[in-house]
Protein backbone atom coordinates (compact mmCIF):
# COMPACT_ATOMS: atom_id res chain seq x y z
CA MET A 1 0.00 0.00 0.00
CA SER A 2 1.36 3.44 -0.91
CA ARG A 3 2.22 6.11 1.60
CA HIS A 4 -0.46 8.27 -0.05
CA ALA A 5 -3.19 5.73 0.75
CA VAL A 6 -1.91 5.19 4.30
CA SER A 7 -2.00 8.93 4.92
CA TRP A 8 -5.61 9.16 3.78
CA ILE A 9 -6.63 6.22 5.94
CA ALA A 10 -4.92 7.78 8.98
CA ALA A 11 -6.69 11.09 8.44
CA VAL A 12 -10.08 9.39 8.11
CA LEU A 13 -9.50 7.38 11.31
CA VAL A 14 -8.54 10.49 13.29
CA ALA A 15 -11.58 12.43 12.08
CA GLY A 16 -13.86 9.45 12.72
CA ALA A 17 -12.51 8.98 16.23
CA ALA A 18 -13.09 12.65 17.01
CA PHE A 19 -16.66 12.52 15.82
CA LEU A 20 -17.31 9.22 17.60
CA TYR A 21 -16.06 10.64 20.89
CA GLY A 22 -18.20 13.73 20.43
CA ALA A 23 -21.28 11.63 19.75
CA VAL A 24 -20.81 9.13 22.58
CA ASP A 25 -19.50 11.35 25.40
CA GLU A 26 -22.37 13.14 27.13
CA GLY A 27 -20.11 15.87 28.40
CA PRO A 28 -20.29 17.42 31.84
CA PRO A 29 -23.56 18.70 33.38
CA ARG A 30 -25.10 21.72 31.68
CA THR A 31 -26.42 23.36 34.88
CA ASN A 32 -25.48 23.38 38.55
CA ALA A 33 -28.58 21.37 39.40
CA ASP A 34 -27.52 18.69 36.87
CA ARG A 35 -24.11 18.59 38.48
CA VAL A 36 -25.61 18.26 41.97
CA ARG A 37 -27.76 15.35 40.78
CA ASP A 38 -24.80 13.66 39.11
CA LEU A 39 -22.61 14.04 42.18
CA ALA A 40 -25.36 12.87 44.54
CA GLY A 41 -25.61 9.70 42.48
CA ASP A 42 -21.89 9.06 42.95
CA PHE A 43 -22.12 8.71 46.74
CA ALA A 44 -23.73 6.03 48.88
CA CYS A 45 -26.25 7.01 51.54
CA PRO A 46 -24.39 6.45 54.83
CA VAL A 47 -27.40 4.88 56.58
CA CYS A 48 -29.27 3.24 53.68
CA ALA A 49 -28.94 -0.16 52.05
CA GLY A 50 -28.20 0.03 48.34
CA GLN A 51 -29.30 3.63 47.82
CA SER A 52 -27.28 6.60 46.69
CA VAL A 53 -27.47 10.04 48.27
CA GLY A 54 -29.50 11.13 45.26
CA GLU A 55 -32.05 8.32 45.68
CA SER A 56 -32.58 8.41 49.45
CA ASP A 57 -34.76 10.91 51.30
CA VAL A 58 -33.53 10.23 54.85
CA PRO A 59 -32.31 13.33 56.73
CA VAL A 60 -28.60 12.60 56.35
CA ALA A 61 -28.95 12.13 52.57
CA ARG A 62 -30.86 15.38 52.26
CA GLU A 63 -28.22 17.16 54.31
CA ILE A 64 -25.46 15.83 52.04
CA ARG A 65 -27.39 16.95 48.95
CA ARG A 66 -27.80 20.42 50.44
CA GLN A 67 -24.09 20.64 51.16
CA ILE A 68 -23.20 19.46 47.66
CA ALA A 69 -25.48 22.18 46.23
CA VAL A 70 -23.73 24.85 48.30
CA TRP A 71 -20.28 23.63 47.20
CA VAL A 72 -21.34 23.49 43.56
CA ASP A 73 -22.71 27.02 43.68
CA GLU A 74 -19.47 28.15 45.29
CA GLY A 75 -17.58 26.76 42.30
CA ARG A 76 -15.87 23.91 44.16
CA SER A 77 -14.37 21.15 42.04
CA ASP A 78 -15.63 17.58 41.99
CA ALA A 79 -12.36 16.49 43.58
CA TYR A 80 -12.83 18.96 46.44
CA ILE A 81 -16.40 17.78 47.07
CA ARG A 82 -15.33 14.15 46.92
CA ASP A 83 -12.49 14.74 49.39
CA GLN A 84 -14.77 16.59 51.83
CA LEU A 85 -17.43 13.88 51.84
CA VAL A 86 -14.92 11.05 52.13
CA ALA A 87 -13.27 12.85 55.06
CA ALA A 88 -16.65 13.29 56.76
CA TYR A 89 -18.22 9.88 56.05
CA ASP A 90 -15.28 7.54 55.19
CA ALA A 91 -14.22 6.16 51.82
CA ASP A 92 -17.15 3.71 51.67
CA ILE A 93 -19.44 6.59 50.74
CA ASP A 94 -17.69 7.03 47.38
CA TYR A 95 -19.04 4.84 44.58
CA ASN A 96 -16.30 6.00 42.18
CA PRO A 97 -13.24 7.08 44.20
CA SER A 98 -10.65 6.92 41.44
CA GLY A 99 -12.46 8.85 38.71
CA SER A 100 -12.19 8.01 35.00
CA GLY A 101 -10.61 11.27 33.89
CA ILE A 102 -11.98 10.80 30.39
CA THR A 103 -13.07 14.42 30.06
CA ALA A 104 -9.41 15.42 29.93
CA LEU A 105 -9.40 14.02 26.40
CA VAL A 106 -11.38 17.04 25.30
CA TRP A 107 -8.16 19.04 25.36
CA VAL A 108 -5.76 16.27 24.24
CA LEU A 109 -7.73 14.86 21.32
CA PRO A 110 -8.04 18.08 19.26
CA LEU A 111 -4.33 18.77 19.68
CA LEU A 112 -3.36 15.24 18.62
CA ALA A 113 -5.77 15.32 15.69
CA GLY A 114 -4.54 18.69 14.50
CA ALA A 115 -0.88 17.71 14.88
CA GLY A 116 -1.41 14.41 13.06
CA ILE A 117 -3.20 15.94 10.11
CA ALA A 118 -0.68 18.77 9.87
CA ALA A 119 2.12 16.21 9.66
CA VAL A 120 0.31 14.29 6.93
CA VAL A 121 -0.31 17.46 4.94
CA VAL A 122 3.34 18.41 5.16
CA VAL A 123 4.30 14.98 3.85
CA MET A 124 1.73 15.10 1.06
CA LEU A 125 2.58 18.61 -0.09
CA ARG A 126 6.34 18.59 0.31
CA PRO A 127 8.27 19.78 -2.75
CA GLY A 128 9.07 17.19 -5.32
CA ARG A 129 5.98 15.05 -4.93
CA ALA A 130 4.13 16.63 -7.83
CA ALA A 131 5.76 14.55 -10.57
CA ALA A 132 8.76 12.26 -10.34
CA PRO A 133 11.18 12.53 -13.33
CA ASP A 134 10.72 8.88 -14.30
CA SER A 135 6.97 8.74 -13.78
CA GLY A 136 6.05 10.11 -17.15
CA GLU A 137 3.66 12.57 -15.56
CA LEU A 138 3.54 16.12 -16.90
CA PRO A 139 4.48 18.91 -14.45
CA GLU A 140 1.14 20.64 -15.07
CA VAL A 141 -0.75 17.51 -14.13
CA GLY A 142 1.35 17.14 -10.99
CA ARG A 143 0.59 20.69 -9.93
CA ARG A 144 -3.13 20.14 -10.39
CA ARG A 145 -2.92 16.98 -8.29
CA ARG A 146 -1.08 18.85 -5.57
CA TRP A 147 -3.82 21.48 -5.45
CA ARG A 148 -6.53 18.80 -5.32
CA ASN A 149 -4.68 17.15 -2.45
CA ALA A 150 -4.34 20.48 -0.67
CA ALA A 151 -8.06 21.14 -1.03
CA ALA A 152 -8.92 17.67 0.27
CA TRP A 153 -6.68 18.04 3.27
CA THR A 154 -8.04 21.49 3.98
CA VAL A 155 -11.53 19.98 4.15
CA ALA A 156 -10.21 17.23 6.44
CA ILE A 157 -8.64 19.78 8.75
CA VAL A 158 -11.89 21.77 8.90
CA VAL A 159 -13.84 18.61 9.70
CA VAL A 160 -11.53 17.57 12.52
CA ALA A 161 -11.34 21.12 13.86
CA GLY A 162 -15.14 21.20 13.89
CA ALA A 163 -15.22 17.95 15.84
CA ALA A 164 -12.70 19.30 18.32
CA GLY A 165 -14.67 22.53 18.66
CA LEU A 166 -17.81 20.50 19.33
CA LEU A 167 -16.04 18.65 22.11
CA VAL A 168 -14.80 21.86 23.69
CA ALA A 169 -18.27 23.40 23.50
CA ARG A 170 -19.81 20.34 25.11
CA SER A 171 -17.32 20.38 27.93
CA SER A 172 -17.56 24.11 28.59
CA GLY A 173 -21.23 23.83 29.45
CA SER A 174 -20.52 23.23 33.11
CA ARG A 175 -21.62 26.27 35.13
CA THR A 176 -19.55 27.44 38.06
CA SER A 177 -19.46 30.59 40.16
CA GLY A 178 -16.27 31.61 38.39
CA GLY A 179 -17.95 31.99 35.03
CA SER A 180 -19.71 30.14 32.24
CA ILE A 181 -20.79 30.38 28.64
CA THR A 182 -24.15 31.98 29.42
CA GLY A 183 -23.33 34.36 32.23
CA GLU A 184 -22.67 34.57 35.96
CA ILE A 185 -24.78 32.20 38.05
CA ARG A 186 -26.23 34.52 40.65
CA SER A 187 -27.26 37.24 38.23
CA THR A 188 -29.01 34.68 36.03
CA ALA A 189 -30.78 33.12 39.01
CA ARG A 190 -31.82 36.60 40.13
CA GLU A 191 -33.38 37.20 36.71
CA LYS A 192 -35.45 34.03 37.09
CA ILE A 193 -36.52 35.02 40.59
CA PHE A 194 -37.62 38.43 39.28
CA GLU A 195 -39.57 36.65 36.55
CA ALA A 196 -41.24 34.47 39.20
CA GLN A 197 -42.22 37.56 41.19
CA GLN A 198 -43.69 39.15 38.08
CA ARG A 199 -45.68 36.04 37.24
CA LEU A 200 -46.97 35.81 40.80
CA SER A 201 -48.07 39.45 40.74
CA ASP A 202 -50.01 38.60 37.57
CA GLY A 203 -51.74 35.73 39.37
CA ASP A 204 -49.83 33.02 37.51
CA MET A 205 -48.79 30.74 40.37
CA ALA A 206 -47.87 27.84 38.09
CA GLY A 207 -45.64 30.12 36.02
CA ALA A 208 -44.02 31.49 39.17
CA ILE A 209 -43.25 27.99 40.41
CA ALA A 210 -41.74 27.11 37.03
CA ALA A 211 -39.54 30.22 37.16
CA TYR A 212 -38.35 29.35 40.67
CA ASP A 213 -37.54 25.84 39.41
CA GLU A 214 -35.44 27.37 36.64
CA ALA A 215 -33.62 29.53 39.19
CA LEU A 216 -32.86 26.41 41.22
CA GLU A 217 -31.57 24.63 38.13
CA ILE A 218 -29.04 27.45 37.80
CA GLN A 219 -28.26 27.85 41.50
CA PRO A 220 -29.58 24.95 43.62
CA SER A 221 -28.66 26.57 46.94
CA ASN A 222 -30.40 29.90 46.28
CA VAL A 223 -32.19 30.47 49.59
CA GLU A 224 -34.81 32.84 48.19
CA ALA A 225 -35.80 30.48 45.39
CA LEU A 226 -35.94 27.53 47.80
CA THR A 227 -38.05 29.51 50.28
CA TYR A 228 -40.63 30.80 47.84
CA ARG A 229 -40.80 27.56 45.87
CA GLY A 230 -41.72 25.87 49.16
CA TRP A 231 -44.16 28.62 50.16
CA LEU A 232 -46.04 28.53 46.84
CA THR A 233 -46.20 24.75 47.01
CA SER A 234 -47.75 24.99 50.48
CA ARG A 235 -50.29 27.49 49.19
CA GLN A 236 -51.32 24.87 46.66
CA GLY A 237 -52.14 22.62 49.60
CA ASP A 238 -49.22 20.22 49.27
CA LEU A 239 -47.57 20.63 52.68
CA ALA A 240 -45.54 17.44 52.39
CA ALA A 241 -43.89 18.62 49.17
CA ALA A 242 -43.36 22.12 50.52
CA ALA A 243 -41.47 21.06 53.66
CA PRO A 244 -38.23 19.86 51.96
CA TYR A 245 -37.80 23.18 50.13
CA LEU A 246 -38.22 25.14 53.35
CA ASP A 247 -35.96 22.75 55.26
CA ASP A 248 -33.27 23.22 52.60
CA ALA A 249 -33.66 27.01 52.76
CA VAL A 250 -33.21 27.03 56.55
CA ALA A 251 -30.20 24.72 56.26
CA VAL A 252 -28.57 27.02 53.68
CA ASP A 253 -29.26 30.20 55.68
CA PRO A 254 -30.67 29.70 59.21
CA ALA A 255 -31.08 33.47 59.63
CA TYR A 256 -33.25 34.04 56.54
CA PRO A 257 -36.49 35.32 58.13
CA ASP A 258 -38.85 34.42 55.28
CA ALA A 259 -37.88 30.75 55.43
CA ARG A 260 -38.40 30.67 59.20
CA LEU A 261 -41.79 32.35 58.95
CA PHE A 262 -43.09 30.15 56.15
CA ARG A 263 -41.85 26.99 57.84
CA ALA A 264 -43.58 28.05 61.07
CA ILE A 265 -46.85 28.50 59.17
CA VAL A 266 -46.50 25.11 57.48
CA ALA A 267 -45.70 23.49 60.85
CA LEU A 268 -48.83 25.01 62.38
CA GLU A 269 -50.94 23.74 59.52
CA GLU A 270 -49.47 20.28 60.10
CA GLY A 271 -50.29 20.54 63.82
CA ASP A 272 -46.67 20.78 64.99
CA GLY A 273 -46.78 23.71 67.39
CA ALA A 274 -43.40 22.96 68.98
CA SER A 275 -41.55 23.22 65.65
CA ALA A 276 -43.51 26.36 64.80
CA ALA A 277 -42.47 27.91 68.12
CA ARG A 278 -38.79 27.21 67.41
CA ASP A 279 -39.00 28.78 63.96
CA LEU A 280 -40.89 31.76 65.35
CA ALA A 281 -38.16 32.32 67.95
CA ALA A 282 -35.53 32.18 65.20
CA PHE A 283 -37.63 34.57 63.10
CA ASP A 284 -37.82 37.06 65.97
CA SER A 285 -34.05 36.99 66.43
CA SER A 286 -33.30 37.50 62.72
CA ASP A 287 -34.27 41.20 62.52
CA PRO A 288 -37.14 40.54 60.09
CA PRO A 289 -38.16 43.19 57.54
CA PRO A 290 -41.50 45.04 57.86
CA TYR A 291 -43.25 43.03 55.14
CA ALA A 292 -42.45 39.79 57.00
CA GLU A 293 -43.84 41.25 60.23
CA GLN A 294 -47.01 42.20 58.36
CA LEU A 295 -47.41 38.67 57.00
CA LEU A 296 -46.78 37.34 60.50
CA ALA A 297 -49.61 39.47 61.87
CA GLN A 298 -51.97 38.61 59.00
CA SER A 299 -51.37 34.90 59.47
CA ARG A 300 -51.77 35.15 63.27
CA VAL A 301 -48.69 33.00 63.63
CA ARG A 302 -47.77 34.36 67.02
CA GLU A 303 -51.24 33.82 68.45
CA ARG A 304 -51.51 30.34 66.95
CA VAL A 305 -48.11 29.34 68.29
CA ALA A 306 -49.08 30.61 71.74
CA GLU A 307 -52.35 28.68 71.61
CA ALA A 308 -50.59 25.47 70.56
CA ARG A 309 -47.91 25.97 73.21
CA ASP A 310 -50.48 26.63 75.95
CA THR A 311 -52.57 23.64 74.92
CA ALA A 312 -49.60 21.29 75.00
CA ALA A 313 -48.38 22.60 78.36
CA LEU A 314 -51.83 22.37 79.94
CA GLU A 315 -52.32 18.84 78.67
CA ALA A 316 -49.04 17.80 80.28
CA VAL A 317 -49.92 19.46 83.60
CA ASP A 318 -53.49 18.13 83.60
CA ALA A 319 -52.17 14.63 83.04
CA LEU A 320 -50.02 14.96 86.16
CA SER A 321 -52.88 16.48 88.15
CA ALA A 322 -55.00 13.44 87.39
CA LEU A 323 -52.58 11.25 89.33
CA ASP A 324 -53.40 10.33 92.92
CA GLU A 325 -50.08 11.76 94.03
CA ARG A 326 -48.13 14.26 91.97
CA PRO A 327 -44.46 13.22 91.61
CA ALA A 328 -41.57 15.57 92.27
CA PHE A 329 -41.03 18.03 89.47
CA THR A 330 -37.59 16.58 88.72
CA ASP A 331 -39.19 13.17 88.21
CA THR A 332 -41.25 14.41 85.28
CA ALA A 333 -40.35 15.26 81.70
CA LEU A 334 -41.47 18.88 82.18
CA THR A 335 -39.04 21.79 82.06
CA VAL A 336 -39.26 25.05 83.97
CA ALA A 337 -40.21 26.72 80.69
CA ASP A 338 -43.10 24.25 80.28
CA ALA A 339 -44.32 25.01 83.79
CA LEU A 340 -44.14 28.77 83.19
CA VAL A 341 -46.19 28.43 80.01
CA ALA A 342 -48.76 26.29 81.80
CA SER A 343 -48.99 28.72 84.73
CA GLU A 344 -49.60 31.62 82.33
CA ALA A 345 -52.31 29.64 80.57
CA LEU A 346 -53.96 28.81 83.91
CA ALA A 347 -53.84 32.45 84.99
CA ASN A 348 -55.30 33.60 81.67
CA ARG A 349 -58.28 31.31 82.10
CA GLY A 350 -58.85 32.58 85.65
CA ASP A 351 -57.19 29.83 87.68
CA LEU A 352 -54.67 32.09 89.45
CA LEU A 353 -54.46 29.93 92.59
CA GLU A 354 -53.78 26.79 90.56
CA ALA A 355 -51.12 28.70 88.58
CA VAL A 356 -49.35 29.78 91.78
CA GLN A 357 -49.52 26.25 93.19
CA LEU A 358 -47.98 24.91 90.00
CA LEU A 359 -44.95 27.17 90.36
CA ASP A 360 -44.71 26.37 94.08
CA TRP A 361 -44.43 22.74 93.01
CA VAL A 362 -41.57 23.68 90.65
CA LEU A 363 -39.80 25.70 93.36
CA GLU A 364 -39.86 22.71 95.71
CA SER A 365 -37.32 21.08 93.38
CA HIS A 366 -35.66 24.27 92.06
CA PRO A 367 -35.82 26.84 94.90
CA ASP A 368 -33.13 29.04 93.35
CA ASP A 369 -34.36 29.07 89.77
CA PRO A 370 -34.64 32.77 88.81
CA ASP A 371 -37.19 32.14 86.05
CA ALA A 372 -39.51 30.22 88.37
CA LEU A 373 -39.13 32.88 91.10
CA SER A 374 -39.84 35.75 88.70
CA GLY A 375 -42.77 33.86 87.16
CA ARG A 376 -44.38 33.34 90.57
CA GLY A 377 -43.75 36.94 91.48
CA TRP A 378 -45.38 38.10 88.22
CA LEU A 379 -48.53 36.09 88.95
CA LEU A 380 -48.88 37.90 92.28
CA VAL A 381 -48.09 41.35 90.82
CA ARG A 382 -50.96 40.92 88.35
CA SER A 383 -53.46 40.01 91.06
CA SER A 384 -54.40 43.69 91.76
CA ASP A 385 -54.16 42.95 95.48
CA ALA A 386 -51.82 45.29 97.40
CA GLU A 387 -50.67 42.60 99.82
CA LEU A 388 -50.02 40.07 97.05
CA LEU A 389 -48.24 42.79 95.07
CA ALA A 390 -45.76 43.28 97.91
CA VAL A 391 -45.16 39.52 98.15
CA GLY A 392 -44.68 39.41 94.39
CA VAL A 393 -41.96 42.06 94.60
CA ASP A 394 -40.17 39.93 97.21
CA TYR A 395 -40.06 37.03 94.74
CA LEU A 396 -38.80 39.34 91.98
CA ASP A 397 -36.11 40.73 94.30
CA ALA A 398 -35.04 37.16 95.06
CA ALA A 399 -34.85 36.27 91.37
CA LEU A 400 -32.72 39.33 90.57
CA GLY A 401 -30.57 38.69 93.61
CA ILE A 402 -29.64 35.34 92.08
CA ASP A 403 -29.35 36.67 88.51
CA PRO A 404 -29.26 40.49 88.16
CA SER A 405 -29.58 40.15 84.38
CA ASN A 406 -32.70 37.99 84.47
CA ALA A 407 -34.78 39.59 81.71
CA SER A 408 -38.21 38.57 82.98
CA GLY A 409 -37.36 39.66 86.52
CA LEU A 410 -36.31 43.14 85.33
CA VAL A 411 -39.45 43.68 83.25
CA TYR A 412 -41.84 42.28 85.83
CA ARG A 413 -40.29 44.32 88.64
CA ALA A 414 -40.47 47.45 86.48
CA PHE A 415 -44.23 46.91 86.23
CA ALA A 416 -44.45 46.25 90.00
CA ARG A 417 -42.51 49.39 90.90
CA TRP A 418 -44.66 51.46 88.56
CA GLN A 419 -47.79 50.13 90.31
CA LEU A 420 -46.21 50.90 93.69
CA GLY A 421 -45.63 54.52 92.66
CA ASP A 422 -41.88 54.21 92.18
CA PRO A 423 -41.20 55.52 88.63
CA PRO A 424 -37.43 55.99 89.19
CA GLY A 425 -37.12 52.35 90.25
CA ALA A 426 -39.23 51.23 87.30
CA ARG A 427 -37.06 53.28 84.89
CA ALA A 428 -33.90 51.76 86.37
CA ASP A 429 -35.20 48.23 85.82
CA LEU A 430 -36.35 49.05 82.30
CA SER A 431 -32.99 50.63 81.46
CA ALA A 432 -31.22 47.53 82.74
CA PHE A 433 -33.47 45.43 80.52
CA ASP A 434 -32.74 47.64 77.50
CA ALA A 435 -29.00 47.19 78.11
CA LEU A 436 -29.17 43.39 77.90
CA PRO A 437 -27.39 41.89 74.87
CA HIS A 438 -30.47 39.77 74.13
CA ARG A 439 -33.98 40.91 74.96
CA PRO A 440 -36.67 38.22 74.57
CA PRO A 441 -39.17 39.46 71.96
CA ASP A 442 -42.19 38.49 74.09
CA LEU A 443 -40.98 40.76 76.90
CA VAL A 444 -40.30 43.60 74.47
CA ARG A 445 -43.86 43.27 73.18
CA LEU A 446 -45.23 43.14 76.75
CA VAL A 447 -43.57 46.46 77.58
CA GLU A 448 -44.87 48.09 74.40
CA ASP A 449 -48.37 46.58 74.47
CA GLN A 450 -48.93 47.57 78.12
CA GLY A 451 -47.63 51.09 77.50
CA LEU A 452 -45.04 50.94 80.29
CA ARG A 453 -42.36 52.83 78.39
CA ALA A 454 -44.77 55.58 77.38
CA ALA A 455 -46.09 55.86 80.94
CA LEU A 456 -42.57 56.21 82.38
CA SER A 457 -41.60 58.86 79.83
CA ARG A 458 -44.28 61.28 81.00
């Protein structure tokens, strides 16, 4: 076989291999969400039998998926993510620890193809190949053949270059926070979120959900998209499907107030008052914006959480009261906070004596607990009886003697001193409360709702 024929066969094989690789290789994920799904499928669920992280819905698998999404959106490499998960959960979690490395061919193959064809062209077109002296071929015919060969090889080069370009384009579709073909991740996700807001304002809930889904395809850990995708799903009545979105949002950013508020509402609708109370407390400590406070008021979340909390506490206390002999407080599963909630609920329904007796029972086991002392003192201060008011102040003094920074003791004693005609003392207690690094929101609201601050400023 002549060198000419061998050269043509080599060129065809190189071009065919390039096109075959481009057709068979799927390339890397096109979006961050695709990459998260692919990575989740590469790791075994640590507590499941035969399921990957992507397939399982147990809490640990969901937590790993959330963390993978955050890393992907941060632009972390697959190797970094793999190393982190192996370090946290051991090497058994990794289905594919070595990695195939085949995508590196996207850079090597075009270079090899181009170099090979360039070498063949040089050989084919080198001087002297047009017409050998003893071949009997005319020089003009040899020149024409050289030009035909040049044209053919030019086409071959274009074909192989196109294949290489296709491979590069396929492999550059992976989106990272450092940059991508179609723009920076967060700005593109923001555009989709804005589109979702526009659709929602037009009454198109299905379109808004679709836009939030597109934002999450681009940036799976976007807390706003997760939050509002979950909220809209809950408004459609599917609480079970809404919960994972809101859980993911809280996991990504525990201080995001919207996620806390919406998850509290969903928890209330599912009858889980304890979880709603925890999310409400986190919401209150997150410095929520005015619109969130308005939604909170419209949804009566605070009142519903208080009702659920009071009901649960009263049920626990009533169950103990039904016993022939009440056990010691320390022998029950109740906490001091539970007892304080129950005593408030009893007082609010008019059972002041039973409320006081409940806290006396707590103080038998915890005589120096400042919260129990201040709670009992507050019950007496609210009785409108002068003698009981004085006794109540004694309990508040005792609580603050044990813990001078006890927030409830300071607020309750400020009210007591105001009732006793001691505005300077009340102002001193209120100022001490204002100086605390953390002021419980319920006490702040009590001061404002009862007009204590306004009364002391006159």
